[in-house]
Amino acid sequence: MERRNEHLVAAFATTLSTERERAGLTQEELAARADVSARFVSLLETARRQPSLTAMHALSIGLGMQLRDLAAELEGHYEAVIASKSDEVEDG
C-alpha cells in the first residue's frame, strides 16, 4: 500500500530547510548534529525522500528543537501547500 503523501513530503522539505536556515546551519552541520548523512538531509530538503519518525526526532535534536515544535511547523507548511493546491484547482 502506497503511503507517500507528496504534499506532506513537500511541506516537510520546506520546513526542514527553513528551520535549518533559521538555526544558522549548513546541511553538513545539521547532518553531523543529527547523525545522518548530508546527502540524506539534501534528499529530504528536495522532497526526494520522506523521513521516518526516528529521522524526524534526530533532525529535531540536530536543530535544537522539540519534535513537537518541528511537527507544528510542518503542519503549518502542510496547510499552506494544501491551500495553494486548492487555489490552483479553482483557478484551473
PDB file of N, CA and C in Angstrom:
ATOM      1  N   MET A   1       0.836  -1.176   0.000  1.00  0.00           N
ATOM      2  CA  MET A   1       0.000   0.000   0.000  1.00  0.00           C
ATOM      3  C   MET A   1       0.883   1.243   0.000  1.00  0.00           C
ATOM      4  N   GLU A   2       0.613   2.145  -0.911  1.00  0.00           N
ATOM      5  CA  GLU A   2       1.373   3.390  -1.014  1.00  0.00           C
ATOM      6  C   GLU A   2       0.986   4.346   0.101  1.00  0.00           C
ATOM      7  N   ARG A   3       1.967   4.819   0.836  1.00  0.00           N
ATOM      8  CA  ARG A   3       1.717   5.728   1.954  1.00  0.00           C
ATOM      9  C   ARG A   3       2.377   7.090   1.738  1.00  0.00           C
ATOM     10  N   ARG A   4       2.910   7.328   0.575  1.00  0.00           N
ATOM     11  CA  ARG A   4       3.591   8.597   0.311  1.00  0.00           C
ATOM     12  C   ARG A   4       2.558   9.680   0.009  1.00  0.00           C
ATOM     13  N   ASN A   5       2.672  10.789   0.702  1.00  0.00           N
ATOM     14  CA  ASN A   5       1.815  11.940   0.507  1.00  0.00           C
ATOM     15  C   ASN A   5       2.706  13.059  -0.033  1.00  0.00           C
ATOM     16  N   GLU A   6       2.624  13.320  -1.331  1.00  0.00           N
ATOM     17  CA  GLU A   6       3.521  14.278  -1.977  1.00  0.00           C
ATOM     18  C   GLU A   6       3.446  15.664  -1.343  1.00  0.00           C
ATOM     19  N   HIS A   7       2.248  16.089  -0.953  1.00  0.00           N
ATOM     20  CA  HIS A   7       2.090  17.410  -0.340  1.00  0.00           C
ATOM     21  C   HIS A   7       2.771  17.462   1.024  1.00  0.00           C
ATOM     22  N   LEU A   8       2.642  16.399   1.782  1.00  0.00           N
ATOM     23  CA  LEU A   8       3.264  16.351   3.101  1.00  0.00           C
ATOM     24  C   LEU A   8       4.788  16.294   2.978  1.00  0.00           C
ATOM     25  N   VAL A   9       5.277  15.544   2.016  1.00  0.00           N
ATOM     26  CA  VAL A   9       6.720  15.453   1.780  1.00  0.00           C
ATOM     27  C   VAL A   9       7.262  16.826   1.364  1.00  0.00           C
ATOM     28  N   ALA A  10       6.537  17.528   0.507  1.00  0.00           N
ATOM     29  CA  ALA A  10       6.947  18.873   0.089  1.00  0.00           C
ATOM     30  C   ALA A  10       6.938  19.835   1.271  1.00  0.00           C
ATOM     31  N   ALA A  11       5.934  19.724   2.110  1.00  0.00           N
ATOM     32  CA  ALA A  11       5.853  20.589   3.291  1.00  0.00           C
ATOM     33  C   ALA A  11       7.005  20.294   4.253  1.00  0.00           C
ATOM     34  N   PHE A  12       7.368  19.024   4.412  1.00  0.00           N
ATOM     35  CA  PHE A  12       8.494  18.699   5.278  1.00  0.00           C
ATOM     36  C   PHE A  12       9.786  19.260   4.700  1.00  0.00           C
ATOM     37  N   ALA A  13       9.956  19.183   3.397  1.00  0.00           N
ATOM     38  CA  ALA A  13      11.151  19.720   2.756  1.00  0.00           C
ATOM     39  C   ALA A  13      11.288  21.209   3.067  1.00  0.00           C
ATOM     40  N   THR A  14      10.194  21.938   2.923  1.00  0.00           N
ATOM     41  CA  THR A  14      10.201  23.375   3.216  1.00  0.00           C
ATOM     42  C   THR A  14      10.484  23.622   4.691  1.00  0.00           C
ATOM     43  N   THR A  15       9.836  22.859   5.544  1.00  0.00           N
ATOM     44  CA  THR A  15      10.019  23.018   6.986  1.00  0.00           C
ATOM     45  C   THR A  15      11.464  22.779   7.388  1.00  0.00           C
ATOM     46  N   LEU A  16      12.043  21.692   6.906  1.00  0.00           N
ATOM     47  CA  LEU A  16      13.414  21.356   7.284  1.00  0.00           C
ATOM     48  C   LEU A  16      14.388  22.428   6.818  1.00  0.00           C
ATOM     49  N   SER A  17      14.246  22.851   5.583  1.00  0.00           N
ATOM     50  CA  SER A  17      15.124  23.876   5.041  1.00  0.00           C
ATOM     51  C   SER A  17      14.994  25.183   5.824  1.00  0.00           C
ATOM     52  N   THR A  18      13.758  25.578   6.090  1.00  0.00           N
ATOM     53  CA  THR A  18      13.501  26.820   6.833  1.00  0.00           C
ATOM     54  C   THR A  18      14.093  26.765   8.231  1.00  0.00           C
ATOM     55  N   GLU A  19      13.849  25.669   8.932  1.00  0.00           N
ATOM     56  CA  GLU A  19      14.338  25.534  10.306  1.00  0.00           C
ATOM     57  C   GLU A  19      15.859  25.413  10.350  1.00  0.00           C
ATOM     58  N   ARG A  20      16.443  24.754   9.362  1.00  0.00           N
ATOM     59  CA  ARG A  20      17.904  24.648   9.302  1.00  0.00           C
ATOM     60  C   ARG A  20      18.524  26.019   9.091  1.00  0.00           C
ATOM     61  N   GLU A  21      17.962  26.779   8.173  1.00  0.00           N
ATOM     62  CA  GLU A  21      18.474  28.122   7.916  1.00  0.00           C
ATOM     63  C   GLU A  21      18.253  29.029   9.127  1.00  0.00           C
ATOM     64  N   ARG A  22      17.099  28.898   9.781  1.00  0.00           N
ATOM     65  CA  ARG A  22      16.822  29.680  10.983  1.00  0.00           C
ATOM     66  C   ARG A  22      17.853  29.384  12.077  1.00  0.00           C
ATOM     67  N   ALA A  23      18.290  28.127  12.152  1.00  0.00           N
ATOM     68  CA  ALA A  23      19.286  27.725  13.141  1.00  0.00           C
ATOM     69  C   ALA A  23      20.704  28.124  12.727  1.00  0.00           C
ATOM     70  N   GLY A  24      20.840  28.614  11.508  1.00  0.00           N
ATOM     71  CA  GLY A  24      22.153  29.033  11.023  1.00  0.00           C
ATOM     72  C   GLY A  24      23.078  27.882  10.694  1.00  0.00           C
ATOM     73  N   LEU A  25      22.493  26.764  10.268  1.00  0.00           N
ATOM     74  CA  LEU A  25      23.273  25.559   9.987  1.00  0.00           C
ATOM     75  C   LEU A  25      23.338  25.264   8.496  1.00  0.00           C
ATOM     76  N   THR A  26      24.454  24.695   8.073  1.00  0.00           N
ATOM     77  CA  THR A  26      24.532  24.135   6.729  1.00  0.00           C
ATOM     78  C   THR A  26      23.915  22.734   6.771  1.00  0.00           C
ATOM     79  N   GLN A  27      23.694  22.157   5.616  1.00  0.00           N
ATOM     80  CA  GLN A  27      23.209  20.777   5.574  1.00  0.00           C
ATOM     81  C   GLN A  27      24.207  19.846   6.247  1.00  0.00           C
ATOM     82  N   GLU A  28      25.478  20.096   6.039  1.00  0.00           N
ATOM     83  CA  GLU A  28      26.515  19.253   6.625  1.00  0.00           C
ATOM     84  C   GLU A  28      26.517  19.353   8.150  1.00  0.00           C
ATOM     85  N   GLU A  29      26.358  20.561   8.659  1.00  0.00           N
ATOM     86  CA  GLU A  29      26.334  20.751  10.110  1.00  0.00           C
ATOM     87  C   GLU A  29      25.115  20.080  10.741  1.00  0.00           C
ATOM     88  N   LEU A  30      23.961  20.246  10.103  1.00  0.00           N
ATOM     89  CA  LEU A  30      22.764  19.578  10.615  1.00  0.00           C
ATOM     90  C   LEU A  30      22.942  18.068  10.577  1.00  0.00           C
ATOM     91  N   ALA A  31      23.471  17.571   9.495  1.00  0.00           N
ATOM     92  CA  ALA A  31      23.692  16.126   9.364  1.00  0.00           C
ATOM     93  C   ALA A  31      24.573  15.608  10.494  1.00  0.00           C
ATOM     94  N   ALA A  32      25.638  16.319  10.788  1.00  0.00           N
ATOM     95  CA  ALA A  32      26.545  15.896  11.864  1.00  0.00           C
ATOM     96  C   ALA A  32      25.831  15.913  13.207  1.00  0.00           C
ATOM     97  N   ARG A  33      25.057  16.945  13.452  1.00  0.00           N
ATOM     98  CA  ARG A  33      24.324  17.040  14.727  1.00  0.00           C
ATOM     99  C   ARG A  33      23.253  15.971  14.863  1.00  0.00           C
ATOM    100  N   ALA A  34      22.648  15.591  13.735  1.00  0.00           N
ATOM    101  CA  ALA A  34      21.555  14.611  13.755  1.00  0.00           C
ATOM    102  C   ALA A  34      22.041  13.188  13.527  1.00  0.00           C
ATOM    103  N   ASP A  35      23.333  13.028  13.269  1.00  0.00           N
ATOM    104  CA  ASP A  35      23.927  11.725  12.994  1.00  0.00           C
ATOM    105  C   ASP A  35      23.287  11.046  11.783  1.00  0.00           C
ATOM    106  N   VAL A  36      23.126  11.836  10.729  1.00  0.00           N
ATOM    107  CA  VAL A  36      22.655  11.340   9.439  1.00  0.00           C
ATOM    108  C   VAL A  36      23.618  11.868   8.384  1.00  0.00           C
ATOM    109  N   SER A  37      23.471  11.450   7.157  1.00  0.00           N
ATOM    110  CA  SER A  37      24.366  11.940   6.114  1.00  0.00           C
ATOM    111  C   SER A  37      23.860  13.268   5.553  1.00  0.00           C
ATOM    112  N   ALA A  38      24.791  14.058   5.055  1.00  0.00           N
ATOM    113  CA  ALA A  38      24.423  15.314   4.406  1.00  0.00           C
ATOM    114  C   ALA A  38      23.576  15.030   3.167  1.00  0.00           C
ATOM    115  N   ARG A  39      23.851  13.938   2.505  1.00  0.00           N
ATOM    116  CA  ARG A  39      23.036  13.557   1.329  1.00  0.00           C
ATOM    117  C   ARG A  39      21.592  13.315   1.737  1.00  0.00           C
ATOM    118  N   PHE A  40      21.377  12.662   2.868  1.00  0.00           N
ATOM    119  CA  PHE A  40      20.019  12.417   3.362  1.00  0.00           C
ATOM    120  C   PHE A  40      19.303  13.739   3.633  1.00  0.00           C
ATOM    121  N   VAL A  41      19.999  14.681   4.270  1.00  0.00           N
ATOM    122  CA  VAL A  41      19.401  15.995   4.516  1.00  0.00           C
ATOM    123  C   VAL A  41      19.038  16.646   3.180  1.00  0.00           C
ATOM    124  N   SER A  42      19.934  16.572   2.218  1.00  0.00           N
ATOM    125  CA  SER A  42      19.669  17.139   0.899  1.00  0.00           C
ATOM    126  C   SER A  42      18.444  16.496   0.238  1.00  0.00           C
ATOM    127  N   LEU A  43      18.370  15.177   0.312  1.00  0.00           N
ATOM    128  CA  LEU A  43      17.225  14.474  -0.281  1.00  0.00           C
ATOM    129  C   LEU A  43      15.915  14.853   0.405  1.00  0.00           C
ATOM    130  N   LEU A  44      15.966  15.056   1.712  1.00  0.00           N
ATOM    131  CA  LEU A  44      14.767  15.485   2.436  1.00  0.00           C
ATOM    132  C   LEU A  44      14.365  16.899   2.030  1.00  0.00           C
ATOM    133  N   GLU A  45      15.341  17.785   1.924  1.00  0.00           N
ATOM    134  CA  GLU A  45      15.051  19.182   1.602  1.00  0.00           C
ATOM    135  C   GLU A  45      14.603  19.378   0.156  1.00  0.00           C
ATOM    136  N   THR A  46      14.850  18.398  -0.682  1.00  0.00           N
ATOM    137  CA  THR A  46      14.398  18.475  -2.074  1.00  0.00           C
ATOM    138  C   THR A  46      13.201  17.566  -2.322  1.00  0.00           C
ATOM    139  N   ALA A  47      12.624  17.053  -1.250  1.00  0.00           N
ATOM    140  CA  ALA A  47      11.410  16.230  -1.287  1.00  0.00           C
ATOM    141  C   ALA A  47      11.583  14.951  -2.105  1.00  0.00           C
ATOM    142  N   ARG A  48      12.810  14.459  -2.170  1.00  0.00           N
ATOM    143  CA  ARG A  48      13.048  13.190  -2.860  1.00  0.00           C
ATOM    144  C   ARG A  48      13.038  12.004  -1.910  1.00  0.00           C
ATOM    145  N   ARG A  49      13.008  12.280  -0.612  1.00  0.00           N
ATOM    146  CA  ARG A  49      12.871  11.249   0.421  1.00  0.00           C
ATOM    147  C   ARG A  49      11.907  11.762   1.474  1.00  0.00           C
ATOM    148  N   GLN A  50      11.294  10.834   2.185  1.00  0.00           N
ATOM    149  CA  GLN A  50      10.462  11.230   3.315  1.00  0.00           C
ATOM    150  C   GLN A  50      11.059  10.622   4.582  1.00  0.00           C
ATOM    151  N   PRO A  51      11.011  11.359   5.681  1.00  0.00           N
ATOM    152  CA  PRO A  51      11.678  10.890   6.895  1.00  0.00           C
ATOM    153  C   PRO A  51      10.826   9.903   7.681  1.00  0.00           C
ATOM    154  N   SER A  52      11.509   9.041   8.399  1.00  0.00           N
ATOM    155  CA  SER A  52      10.833   8.195   9.387  1.00  0.00           C
ATOM    156  C   SER A  52      10.661   9.036  10.647  1.00  0.00           C
ATOM    157  N   LEU A  53       9.898   8.521  11.593  1.00  0.00           N
ATOM    158  CA  LEU A  53       9.759   9.209  12.876  1.00  0.00           C
ATOM    159  C   LEU A  53      11.105   9.312  13.584  1.00  0.00           C
ATOM    160  N   THR A  54      11.906   8.270  13.477  1.00  0.00           N
ATOM    161  CA  THR A  54      13.233   8.277  14.083  1.00  0.00           C
ATOM    162  C   THR A  54      14.095   9.381  13.468  1.00  0.00           C
ATOM    163  N   ALA A  55      14.043   9.515  12.150  1.00  0.00           N
ATOM    164  CA  ALA A  55      14.813  10.563  11.476  1.00  0.00           C
ATOM    165  C   ALA A  55      14.297  11.946  11.868  1.00  0.00           C
ATOM    166  N   MET A  56      12.987  12.101  11.936  1.00  0.00           N
ATOM    167  CA  MET A  56      12.430  13.396  12.355  1.00  0.00           C
ATOM    168  C   MET A  56      12.906  13.765  13.760  1.00  0.00           C
ATOM    169  N   HIS A  57      12.938  12.778  14.639  1.00  0.00           N
ATOM    170  CA  HIS A  57      13.394  13.028  16.001  1.00  0.00           C
ATOM    171  C   HIS A  57      14.863  13.448  16.007  1.00  0.00           C
ATOM    172  N   ALA A  58      15.693  12.735  15.269  1.00  0.00           N
ATOM    173  CA  ALA A  58      17.115  13.066  15.196  1.00  0.00           C
ATOM    174  C   ALA A  58      17.322  14.463  14.611  1.00  0.00           C
ATOM    175  N   LEU A  59      16.564  14.784  13.587  1.00  0.00           N
ATOM    176  CA  LEU A  59      16.679  16.100  12.964  1.00  0.00           C
ATOM    177  C   LEU A  59      16.233  17.207  13.916  1.00  0.00           C
ATOM    178  N   SER A  60      15.178  16.953  14.667  1.00  0.00           N
ATOM    179  CA  SER A  60      14.724  17.970  15.618  1.00  0.00           C
ATOM    180  C   SER A  60      15.803  18.221  16.669  1.00  0.00           C
ATOM    181  N   ILE A  61      16.451  17.163  17.130  1.00  0.00           N
ATOM    182  CA  ILE A  61      17.553  17.321  18.081  1.00  0.00           C
ATOM    183  C   ILE A  61      18.686  18.114  17.432  1.00  0.00           C
ATOM    184  N   GLY A  62      19.003  17.773  16.200  1.00  0.00           N
ATOM    185  CA  GLY A  62      20.047  18.495  15.474  1.00  0.00           C
ATOM    186  C   GLY A  62      19.732  19.971  15.292  1.00  0.00           C
ATOM    187  N   LEU A  63      18.454  20.271  15.173  1.00  0.00           N
ATOM    188  CA  LEU A  63      18.015  21.660  15.021  1.00  0.00           C
ATOM    189  C   LEU A  63      17.898  22.377  16.362  1.00  0.00           C
ATOM    190  N   GLY A  64      18.012  21.608  17.456  1.00  0.00           N
ATOM    191  CA  GLY A  64      17.900  22.193  18.781  1.00  0.00           C
ATOM    192  C   GLY A  64      16.475  22.546  19.150  1.00  0.00           C
ATOM    193  N   MET A  65      15.533  21.731  18.665  1.00  0.00           N
ATOM    194  CA  MET A  65      14.131  21.994  18.961  1.00  0.00           C
ATOM    195  C   MET A  65      13.419  20.708  19.340  1.00  0.00           C
ATOM    196  N   GLN A  66      12.289  20.848  19.967  1.00  0.00           N
ATOM    197  CA  GLN A  66      11.477  19.692  20.328  1.00  0.00           C
ATOM    198  C   GLN A  66      10.813  19.119  19.070  1.00  0.00           C
ATOM    199  N   LEU A  67      10.617  17.827  19.046  1.00  0.00           N
ATOM    200  CA  LEU A  67       9.938  17.181  17.929  1.00  0.00           C
ATOM    201  C   LEU A  67       8.554  17.783  17.724  1.00  0.00           C
ATOM    202  N   ARG A  68       7.849  18.064  18.812  1.00  0.00           N
ATOM    203  CA  ARG A  68       6.502  18.640  18.693  1.00  0.00           C
ATOM    204  C   ARG A  68       6.541  19.997  18.001  1.00  0.00           C
ATOM    205  N   ASP A  69       7.614  20.775  18.219  1.00  0.00           N
ATOM    206  CA  ASP A  69       7.725  22.077  17.572  1.00  0.00           C
ATOM    207  C   ASP A  69       8.023  21.926  16.081  1.00  0.00           C
ATOM    208  N   LEU A  70       8.851  20.951  15.742  1.00  0.00           N
ATOM    209  CA  LEU A  70       9.107  20.668  14.331  1.00  0.00           C
ATOM    210  C   LEU A  70       7.815  20.216  13.656  1.00  0.00           C
ATOM    211  N   ALA A  71       7.050  19.365  14.339  1.00  0.00           N
ATOM    212  CA  ALA A  71       5.779  18.890  13.786  1.00  0.00           C
ATOM    213  C   ALA A  71       4.786  20.038  13.618  1.00  0.00           C
ATOM    214  N   ALA A  72       4.774  20.985  14.556  1.00  0.00           N
ATOM    215  CA  ALA A  72       3.877  22.133  14.452  1.00  0.00           C
ATOM    216  C   ALA A  72       4.238  22.995  13.238  1.00  0.00           C
ATOM    217  N   GLU A  73       5.531  23.197  13.016  1.00  0.00           N
ATOM    218  CA  GLU A  73       5.973  23.949  11.837  1.00  0.00           C
ATOM    219  C   GLU A  73       5.592  23.205  10.566  1.00  0.00           C
ATOM    220  N   LEU A  74       5.778  21.895  10.578  1.00  0.00           N
ATOM    221  CA  LEU A  74       5.399  21.061   9.432  1.00  0.00           C
ATOM    222  C   LEU A  74       3.911  21.205   9.137  1.00  0.00           C
ATOM    223  N   GLU A  75       3.100  21.161  10.167  1.00  0.00           N
ATOM    224  CA  GLU A  75       1.658  21.279   9.975  1.00  0.00           C
ATOM    225  C   GLU A  75       1.297  22.612   9.315  1.00  0.00           C
ATOM    226  N   GLY A  76       1.932  23.680   9.750  1.00  0.00           N
ATOM    227  CA  GLY A  76       1.680  24.985   9.143  1.00  0.00           C
ATOM    228  C   GLY A  76       2.051  25.022   7.672  1.00  0.00           C
ATOM    229  N   HIS A  77       3.209  24.453   7.336  1.00  0.00           N
ATOM    230  CA  HIS A  77       3.623  24.413   5.931  1.00  0.00           C
ATOM    231  C   HIS A  77       2.715  23.497   5.113  1.00  0.00           C
ATOM    232  N   TYR A  78       2.282  22.399   5.706  1.00  0.00           N
ATOM    233  CA  TYR A  78       1.390  21.464   5.011  1.00  0.00           C
ATOM    234  C   TYR A  78       0.078  22.160   4.667  1.00  0.00           C
ATOM    235  N   GLU A  79      -0.473  22.884   5.626  1.00  0.00           N
ATOM    236  CA  GLU A  79      -1.727  23.604   5.375  1.00  0.00           C
ATOM    237  C   GLU A  79      -1.544  24.627   4.258  1.00  0.00           C
ATOM    238  N   ALA A  80      -0.395  25.278   4.209  1.00  0.00           N
ATOM    239  CA  ALA A  80      -0.123  26.255   3.154  1.00  0.00           C
ATOM    240  C   ALA A  80      -0.019  25.572   1.788  1.00  0.00           C
ATOM    241  N   VAL A  81       0.636  24.407   1.741  1.00  0.00           N
ATOM    242  CA  VAL A  81       0.751  23.662   0.481  1.00  0.00           C
ATOM    243  C   VAL A  81      -0.634  23.240  -0.007  1.00  0.00           C
ATOM    244  N   ILE A  82      -1.451  22.721   0.891  1.00  0.00           N
ATOM    245  CA  ILE A  82      -2.803  22.282   0.526  1.00  0.00           C
ATOM    246  C   ILE A  82      -3.629  23.473   0.034  1.00  0.00           C
ATOM    247  N   ALA A  83      -3.513  24.594   0.719  1.00  0.00           N
ATOM    248  CA  ALA A  83      -4.260  25.788   0.315  1.00  0.00           C
ATOM    249  C   ALA A  83      -3.823  26.258  -1.069  1.00  0.00           C
ATOM    250  N   SER A  84      -2.524  26.223  -1.344  1.00  0.00           N
ATOM    251  CA  SER A  84      -2.051  26.671  -2.654  1.00  0.00           C
ATOM    252  C   SER A  84      -2.498  25.714  -3.752  1.00  0.00           C
ATOM    253  N   LYS A  85      -2.524  24.423  -3.462  1.00  0.00           N
ATOM    254  CA  LYS A  85      -3.005  23.442  -4.444  1.00  0.00           C
ATOM    255  C   LYS A  85      -4.509  23.633  -4.696  1.00  0.00           C
ATOM    256  N   SER A  86      -5.237  23.948  -3.661  1.00  0.00           N
ATOM    257  CA  SER A  86      -6.668  24.196  -3.787  1.00  0.00           C
ATOM    258  C   SER A  86      -6.918  25.434  -4.661  1.00  0.00           C
ATOM    259  N   ASP A  87      -6.097  26.466  -4.458  1.00  0.00           N
ATOM    260  CA  ASP A  87      -6.212  27.678  -5.264  1.00  0.00           C
ATOM    261  C   ASP A  87      -5.902  27.392  -6.727  1.00  0.00           C
ATOM    262  N   GLU A  88      -4.920  26.529  -6.995  1.00  0.00           N
ATOM    263  CA  GLU A  88      -4.569  26.161  -8.366  1.00  0.00           C
ATOM    264  C   GLU A  88      -5.737  25.463  -9.058  1.00  0.00           C
ATOM    265  N   VAL A  89      -6.418  24.593  -8.342  1.00  0.00           N
ATOM    266  CA  VAL A  89      -7.554  23.864  -8.911  1.00  0.00           C
ATOM    267  C   VAL A  89      -8.689  24.841  -9.239  1.00  0.00           C
ATOM    268  N   GLU A  90      -8.953  25.770  -8.328  1.00  0.00           N
ATOM    269  CA  GLU A  90     -10.013  26.751  -8.542  1.00  0.00           C
ATOM    270  C   GLU A  90      -9.697  27.669  -9.713  1.00  0.00           C
ATOM    271  N   ASP A  91      -8.422  28.036  -9.892  1.00  0.00           N
ATOM    272  CA  ASP A  91      -8.021  28.917 -10.971  1.00  0.00           C
ATOM    273  C   ASP A  91      -7.971  28.184 -12.313  1.00  0.00           C
ATOM    274  N   GLY A  92      -7.869  26.846 -12.210  1.00  0.00           N
ATOM    275  CA  GLY A  92      -7.846  25.895 -13.238  1.00  0.00           C
ATOM    276  C   GLY A  92      -7.612  26.111 -14.604  1.00  0.00           C
TER     277      GLY A  92
END
